[in-house]
């Protein structure tokens, strides 16, 4: 796996529960209660309706690679990707693998939490 330490996220009051859950090894999403649809990035207002009729929901942490880009010249090299979560949202993250050339669109992945520069755990994904 890469030795890259992810940057520390900026935590806002409306995202604190998301980051607290990440520190516990849990991935949370927001769900619009008017439509029943989950979404990411977590924010208090639904991107579907604009309503604040939303709630936190646990995510399975399972998904598939929707799109990816390997940065081979970075030190250390790493992969950034959009992951289509099992619950529906598409999430921007990093993919972790010993061999970055083995990563493929459509590949199943599972969340893994990695400590950022300040110790905050950040969700990333690895092939499963």
N, C-alpha and C. Protein backbone atom coordinates (compact mmCIF):
# COMPACT_ATOMS: atom_id res chain seq x y z
N UNK A 1 0.84 -1.19 0.00
CA UNK A 1 0.00 0.00 0.00
C UNK A 1 0.88 1.25 0.00
N UNK A 2 0.34 2.32 -0.50
CA UNK A 2 1.09 3.56 -0.57
C UNK A 2 1.42 4.08 0.83
N UNK A 3 2.50 4.85 0.89
CA UNK A 3 2.91 5.46 2.14
C UNK A 3 2.43 6.90 2.24
N UNK A 4 1.60 7.33 1.33
CA UNK A 4 1.12 8.71 1.29
C UNK A 4 0.19 8.98 2.47
N UNK A 5 0.45 10.07 3.17
CA UNK A 5 -0.42 10.49 4.27
C UNK A 5 -1.40 11.50 3.71
N UNK A 6 -2.71 11.24 3.83
CA UNK A 6 -3.67 12.18 3.26
C UNK A 6 -3.69 13.50 4.04
N UNK A 7 -4.04 14.59 3.35
CA UNK A 7 -4.18 15.86 4.07
C UNK A 7 -5.32 15.79 5.08
N UNK A 8 -5.22 16.61 6.09
CA UNK A 8 -6.26 16.64 7.12
C UNK A 8 -7.48 17.40 6.61
N UNK A 9 -8.66 16.87 6.83
CA UNK A 9 -9.87 17.56 6.37
C UNK A 9 -10.19 18.75 7.28
N UNK A 10 -10.90 19.71 6.71
CA UNK A 10 -11.42 20.79 7.53
C UNK A 10 -12.78 20.34 8.04
N UNK A 11 -12.96 20.35 9.33
CA UNK A 11 -14.19 19.84 9.94
C UNK A 11 -15.07 21.02 10.33
N UNK A 12 -16.30 20.99 9.85
CA UNK A 12 -17.30 22.01 10.15
C UNK A 12 -18.32 21.41 11.11
N UNK A 13 -19.06 22.23 11.85
CA UNK A 13 -20.06 21.68 12.77
C UNK A 13 -21.05 20.73 12.10
N UNK A 14 -21.45 21.03 10.86
CA UNK A 14 -22.42 20.16 10.18
C UNK A 14 -21.82 18.86 9.67
N UNK A 15 -20.48 18.73 9.67
CA UNK A 15 -19.85 17.48 9.24
C UNK A 15 -19.14 16.75 10.39
N UNK A 16 -19.21 17.31 11.59
CA UNK A 16 -18.49 16.72 12.74
C UNK A 16 -18.90 15.28 12.99
N UNK A 17 -20.19 14.96 12.88
CA UNK A 17 -20.64 13.58 13.11
C UNK A 17 -20.02 12.62 12.10
N UNK A 18 -19.88 13.07 10.85
CA UNK A 18 -19.26 12.27 9.79
C UNK A 18 -17.82 11.92 10.18
N UNK A 19 -17.06 12.94 10.60
CA UNK A 19 -15.65 12.72 10.94
C UNK A 19 -15.49 11.96 12.25
N UNK A 20 -16.39 12.17 13.20
CA UNK A 20 -16.36 11.38 14.44
C UNK A 20 -16.58 9.90 14.13
N UNK A 21 -17.53 9.61 13.24
CA UNK A 21 -17.79 8.22 12.85
C UNK A 21 -16.57 7.63 12.14
N UNK A 22 -15.91 8.43 11.29
CA UNK A 22 -14.70 7.95 10.60
C UNK A 22 -13.64 7.54 11.61
N UNK A 23 -13.51 8.31 12.68
CA UNK A 23 -12.54 7.96 13.72
C UNK A 23 -12.89 6.65 14.42
N UNK A 24 -14.16 6.25 14.34
CA UNK A 24 -14.62 4.98 14.91
C UNK A 24 -14.63 3.86 13.87
N UNK A 25 -14.18 4.16 12.64
CA UNK A 25 -14.17 3.15 11.58
C UNK A 25 -15.52 2.93 10.93
N UNK A 26 -16.38 3.95 10.97
CA UNK A 26 -17.71 3.85 10.36
C UNK A 26 -17.87 4.93 9.30
N UNK A 27 -18.47 4.56 8.17
CA UNK A 27 -18.76 5.50 7.10
C UNK A 27 -20.23 5.91 7.19
N UNK A 28 -20.48 7.20 7.27
CA UNK A 28 -21.84 7.72 7.31
C UNK A 28 -22.17 8.47 6.02
N UNK A 29 -23.43 8.44 5.67
CA UNK A 29 -23.97 9.24 4.57
C UNK A 29 -25.13 10.06 5.12
N UNK A 30 -25.60 11.02 4.34
CA UNK A 30 -26.85 11.71 4.67
C UNK A 30 -27.92 11.14 3.75
N UNK A 31 -29.16 11.13 4.25
CA UNK A 31 -30.30 10.67 3.47
C UNK A 31 -31.35 11.76 3.48
N UNK A 32 -31.89 12.04 2.29
CA UNK A 32 -33.01 12.96 2.16
C UNK A 32 -34.27 12.20 2.55
N UNK A 33 -34.98 12.67 3.57
CA UNK A 33 -36.18 11.96 4.02
C UNK A 33 -37.37 12.21 3.10
N UNK A 34 -37.31 13.24 2.26
CA UNK A 34 -38.39 13.49 1.31
C UNK A 34 -38.33 12.54 0.12
N UNK A 35 -37.10 12.15 -0.28
CA UNK A 35 -36.95 11.27 -1.45
C UNK A 35 -36.46 9.88 -1.08
N UNK A 36 -35.88 9.72 0.12
CA UNK A 36 -35.31 8.44 0.53
C UNK A 36 -33.93 8.19 -0.05
N UNK A 37 -33.38 9.15 -0.79
CA UNK A 37 -32.09 8.97 -1.46
C UNK A 37 -30.93 9.42 -0.58
N UNK A 38 -29.87 8.61 -0.58
CA UNK A 38 -28.64 8.93 0.14
C UNK A 38 -27.79 9.86 -0.72
N UNK A 39 -26.97 10.66 -0.05
CA UNK A 39 -26.06 11.54 -0.79
C UNK A 39 -24.75 11.74 -0.02
N UNK A 40 -23.76 12.17 -0.76
CA UNK A 40 -22.44 12.50 -0.22
C UNK A 40 -21.93 13.67 -1.06
N UNK A 41 -21.38 14.63 -0.58
CA UNK A 41 -20.73 15.03 0.63
C UNK A 41 -21.80 15.37 1.67
N UNK A 42 -21.58 15.00 2.93
CA UNK A 42 -22.61 15.23 3.94
C UNK A 42 -22.83 16.72 4.22
N UNK A 43 -24.03 17.14 4.03
CA UNK A 43 -24.43 18.51 4.33
C UNK A 43 -25.86 18.46 4.82
N UNK A 44 -26.30 19.45 5.58
CA UNK A 44 -27.62 19.36 6.22
C UNK A 44 -28.80 19.52 5.25
N UNK A 45 -28.57 20.08 4.06
CA UNK A 45 -29.66 20.28 3.12
C UNK A 45 -29.57 19.28 1.97
N UNK A 46 -30.69 18.72 1.59
CA UNK A 46 -30.75 17.74 0.51
C UNK A 46 -30.39 18.39 -0.83
N UNK A 47 -29.50 17.75 -1.61
CA UNK A 47 -29.21 18.25 -2.95
C UNK A 47 -30.36 17.97 -3.92
N UNK A 48 -31.30 17.14 -3.50
CA UNK A 48 -32.42 16.77 -4.36
C UNK A 48 -33.59 17.72 -4.21
N UNK A 49 -33.82 18.21 -2.98
CA UNK A 49 -35.00 19.04 -2.73
C UNK A 49 -34.68 20.40 -2.10
N UNK A 50 -33.47 20.55 -1.56
CA UNK A 50 -33.11 21.77 -0.85
C UNK A 50 -33.63 21.78 0.59
N UNK A 51 -34.37 20.77 0.97
CA UNK A 51 -34.96 20.65 2.30
C UNK A 51 -33.91 20.27 3.33
N UNK A 52 -34.15 20.66 4.59
CA UNK A 52 -33.28 20.19 5.67
C UNK A 52 -33.88 18.97 6.36
N UNK A 53 -34.83 18.32 5.70
CA UNK A 53 -35.45 17.11 6.20
C UNK A 53 -34.55 15.92 5.84
N UNK A 54 -33.42 15.81 6.58
CA UNK A 54 -32.40 14.80 6.29
C UNK A 54 -31.98 14.11 7.58
N UNK A 55 -31.27 13.00 7.44
CA UNK A 55 -30.74 12.29 8.60
C UNK A 55 -29.45 11.59 8.23
N UNK A 56 -28.67 11.25 9.25
CA UNK A 56 -27.48 10.43 9.05
C UNK A 56 -27.90 8.98 8.85
N UNK A 57 -27.15 8.26 8.05
CA UNK A 57 -27.39 6.83 7.87
C UNK A 57 -26.04 6.11 7.75
N UNK A 58 -25.96 4.90 8.28
CA UNK A 58 -24.72 4.13 8.12
C UNK A 58 -24.60 3.62 6.69
N UNK A 59 -23.39 3.61 6.19
CA UNK A 59 -23.12 3.06 4.86
C UNK A 59 -22.40 1.73 5.03
N UNK A 60 -22.56 0.86 4.05
CA UNK A 60 -21.91 -0.45 4.10
C UNK A 60 -20.41 -0.36 3.91
N UNK A 61 -19.94 0.70 3.24
CA UNK A 61 -18.52 0.82 2.92
C UNK A 61 -18.14 0.06 1.67
N UNK A 62 -19.13 -0.53 1.00
CA UNK A 62 -18.87 -1.28 -0.23
C UNK A 62 -19.21 -0.42 -1.44
N UNK A 63 -18.47 -0.61 -2.51
CA UNK A 63 -18.74 0.14 -3.73
C UNK A 63 -17.98 -0.45 -4.90
N UNK A 64 -18.05 0.27 -6.01
CA UNK A 64 -17.29 -0.11 -7.21
C UNK A 64 -16.60 1.14 -7.75
N UNK A 65 -15.47 0.93 -8.40
CA UNK A 65 -14.73 2.04 -8.98
C UNK A 65 -15.51 2.57 -10.18
N UNK A 66 -15.87 3.83 -10.12
CA UNK A 66 -16.62 4.50 -11.19
C UNK A 66 -15.66 5.13 -12.20
N UNK A 67 -14.59 5.72 -11.69
CA UNK A 67 -13.57 6.38 -12.50
C UNK A 67 -12.31 6.47 -11.67
N UNK A 68 -11.14 6.49 -12.31
CA UNK A 68 -9.90 6.58 -11.55
C UNK A 68 -8.81 7.25 -12.35
N UNK A 69 -7.84 7.77 -11.63
CA UNK A 69 -6.65 8.36 -12.24
C UNK A 69 -5.47 8.07 -11.35
N UNK A 70 -4.45 7.43 -11.92
CA UNK A 70 -3.23 7.12 -11.19
C UNK A 70 -2.24 8.25 -11.43
N UNK A 71 -1.63 8.72 -10.37
CA UNK A 71 -0.62 9.77 -10.46
C UNK A 71 0.75 9.12 -10.24
N UNK A 72 1.35 8.57 -11.29
CA UNK A 72 2.58 7.78 -11.13
C UNK A 72 3.81 8.61 -10.79
N UNK A 73 3.79 9.92 -11.11
CA UNK A 73 4.97 10.74 -10.84
C UNK A 73 4.95 11.38 -9.45
N UNK A 74 3.81 11.30 -8.77
CA UNK A 74 3.73 11.83 -7.40
C UNK A 74 4.66 11.02 -6.51
N UNK A 75 5.11 11.61 -5.45
CA UNK A 75 5.97 10.89 -4.50
C UNK A 75 5.31 10.85 -3.14
N UNK A 76 4.80 9.70 -2.71
CA UNK A 76 4.73 8.46 -3.48
C UNK A 76 3.56 8.49 -4.47
N UNK A 77 3.61 7.65 -5.50
CA UNK A 77 2.49 7.57 -6.45
C UNK A 77 1.20 7.19 -5.72
N UNK A 78 0.07 7.67 -6.24
CA UNK A 78 -1.22 7.33 -5.64
C UNK A 78 -2.31 7.37 -6.69
N UNK A 79 -3.50 6.94 -6.29
CA UNK A 79 -4.65 6.87 -7.19
C UNK A 79 -5.82 7.61 -6.56
N UNK A 80 -6.41 8.51 -7.34
CA UNK A 80 -7.63 9.20 -6.93
C UNK A 80 -8.76 8.59 -7.75
N UNK A 81 -9.94 8.47 -7.13
CA UNK A 81 -11.04 7.79 -7.84
C UNK A 81 -12.39 8.27 -7.36
N UNK A 82 -13.37 8.10 -8.23
CA UNK A 82 -14.76 8.20 -7.83
C UNK A 82 -15.23 6.78 -7.57
N UNK A 83 -15.84 6.58 -6.41
CA UNK A 83 -16.36 5.26 -6.03
C UNK A 83 -17.88 5.35 -5.95
N UNK A 84 -18.56 4.49 -6.69
CA UNK A 84 -20.02 4.40 -6.63
C UNK A 84 -20.36 3.50 -5.44
N UNK A 85 -20.90 4.11 -4.39
CA UNK A 85 -21.23 3.37 -3.18
C UNK A 85 -22.46 2.49 -3.39
N UNK A 86 -22.55 1.42 -2.65
CA UNK A 86 -23.69 0.49 -2.76
C UNK A 86 -25.00 1.20 -2.50
N UNK A 87 -24.98 2.27 -1.69
CA UNK A 87 -26.19 3.01 -1.34
C UNK A 87 -26.59 4.03 -2.40
N UNK A 88 -25.76 4.20 -3.44
CA UNK A 88 -26.12 5.09 -4.54
C UNK A 88 -25.20 6.26 -4.80
N UNK A 89 -24.76 7.00 -3.78
CA UNK A 89 -23.91 8.17 -4.06
C UNK A 89 -22.56 7.78 -4.66
N UNK A 90 -21.98 8.74 -5.37
CA UNK A 90 -20.62 8.58 -5.89
C UNK A 90 -19.73 9.49 -5.06
N UNK A 91 -18.65 8.91 -4.55
CA UNK A 91 -17.77 9.59 -3.59
C UNK A 91 -16.36 9.70 -4.15
N UNK A 92 -15.76 10.88 -4.05
CA UNK A 92 -14.37 11.08 -4.43
C UNK A 92 -13.48 10.61 -3.29
N UNK A 93 -12.47 9.81 -3.61
CA UNK A 93 -11.58 9.27 -2.58
C UNK A 93 -10.28 8.83 -3.22
N UNK A 94 -9.46 8.15 -2.46
CA UNK A 94 -8.25 7.51 -2.96
C UNK A 94 -8.46 6.01 -2.97
N UNK A 95 -7.78 5.33 -3.90
CA UNK A 95 -7.74 3.88 -3.91
C UNK A 95 -6.38 3.44 -3.41
N UNK A 96 -6.38 2.43 -2.59
CA UNK A 96 -5.16 1.89 -2.00
C UNK A 96 -4.89 0.52 -2.60
N UNK A 97 -3.67 0.32 -3.09
CA UNK A 97 -3.29 -0.97 -3.65
C UNK A 97 -1.77 -1.05 -3.72
N UNK A 98 -1.23 -2.25 -3.57
CA UNK A 98 0.21 -2.44 -3.71
C UNK A 98 0.65 -2.18 -5.14
N UNK A 99 -0.20 -2.56 -6.10
CA UNK A 99 0.10 -2.39 -7.52
C UNK A 99 -0.99 -1.49 -8.12
N UNK A 100 -0.69 -0.20 -8.26
CA UNK A 100 -1.69 0.75 -8.79
C UNK A 100 -2.12 0.41 -10.20
N UNK A 101 -1.28 -0.28 -10.97
CA UNK A 101 -1.64 -0.64 -12.35
C UNK A 101 -2.70 -1.74 -12.39
N UNK A 102 -2.98 -2.37 -11.24
CA UNK A 102 -3.99 -3.43 -11.20
C UNK A 102 -5.40 -2.88 -10.99
N UNK A 103 -5.54 -1.60 -10.69
CA UNK A 103 -6.85 -1.01 -10.42
C UNK A 103 -7.63 -0.82 -11.72
N UNK A 104 -8.94 -1.09 -11.67
CA UNK A 104 -9.78 -1.04 -12.86
C UNK A 104 -11.15 -0.44 -12.56
N UNK A 105 -11.72 0.23 -13.54
CA UNK A 105 -13.10 0.70 -13.45
C UNK A 105 -14.00 -0.52 -13.32
N UNK A 106 -14.99 -0.44 -12.44
CA UNK A 106 -15.91 -1.54 -12.19
C UNK A 106 -15.45 -2.50 -11.11
N UNK A 107 -14.24 -2.33 -10.63
CA UNK A 107 -13.68 -3.21 -9.60
C UNK A 107 -14.39 -2.99 -8.27
N UNK A 108 -14.76 -4.06 -7.56
CA UNK A 108 -15.36 -3.89 -6.24
C UNK A 108 -14.31 -3.41 -5.23
N UNK A 109 -14.74 -2.51 -4.35
CA UNK A 109 -13.85 -1.97 -3.33
C UNK A 109 -14.58 -1.90 -1.99
N UNK A 110 -13.79 -1.76 -0.94
CA UNK A 110 -14.29 -1.69 0.43
C UNK A 110 -13.58 -0.52 1.11
N UNK A 111 -14.30 0.20 1.96
CA UNK A 111 -13.70 1.34 2.66
C UNK A 111 -12.63 0.88 3.63
N UNK A 112 -11.62 1.70 3.77
CA UNK A 112 -10.56 1.52 4.77
C UNK A 112 -10.22 2.91 5.28
N UNK A 113 -10.07 3.05 6.57
CA UNK A 113 -9.81 4.36 7.15
C UNK A 113 -8.31 4.53 7.39
N UNK A 114 -7.78 5.68 6.95
CA UNK A 114 -6.36 5.98 7.01
C UNK A 114 -6.17 7.27 7.79
N UNK A 115 -5.18 7.32 8.65
CA UNK A 115 -4.92 8.52 9.45
C UNK A 115 -4.34 9.63 8.58
N UNK A 116 -4.93 10.82 8.71
CA UNK A 116 -4.43 11.99 7.99
C UNK A 116 -3.26 12.60 8.76
N UNK A 117 -2.75 13.71 8.25
CA UNK A 117 -1.58 14.36 8.85
C UNK A 117 -1.80 14.71 10.32
N UNK A 118 -3.05 15.06 10.71
CA UNK A 118 -3.31 15.40 12.11
C UNK A 118 -3.93 14.26 12.91
N UNK A 119 -4.01 13.07 12.31
CA UNK A 119 -4.55 11.90 13.00
C UNK A 119 -6.01 11.63 12.73
N UNK A 120 -6.73 12.59 12.11
CA UNK A 120 -8.13 12.36 11.74
C UNK A 120 -8.19 11.22 10.73
N UNK A 121 -9.06 10.26 10.97
CA UNK A 121 -9.22 9.14 10.04
C UNK A 121 -10.02 9.60 8.82
N UNK A 122 -9.57 9.17 7.64
CA UNK A 122 -10.15 9.58 6.36
C UNK A 122 -10.53 8.31 5.60
N UNK A 123 -11.76 8.27 5.04
CA UNK A 123 -12.15 7.08 4.27
C UNK A 123 -11.44 7.02 2.93
N UNK A 124 -10.86 5.86 2.66
CA UNK A 124 -10.27 5.54 1.36
C UNK A 124 -10.78 4.15 1.01
N UNK A 125 -10.43 3.66 -0.14
CA UNK A 125 -10.96 2.38 -0.58
C UNK A 125 -9.86 1.49 -1.10
N UNK A 126 -10.07 0.17 -0.93
CA UNK A 126 -9.13 -0.82 -1.43
C UNK A 126 -9.91 -1.94 -2.10
N UNK A 127 -9.31 -2.62 -3.08
CA UNK A 127 -9.99 -3.74 -3.72
C UNK A 127 -10.36 -4.81 -2.71
N UNK A 128 -11.50 -5.45 -2.94
CA UNK A 128 -11.90 -6.53 -2.04
C UNK A 128 -12.15 -7.81 -2.81
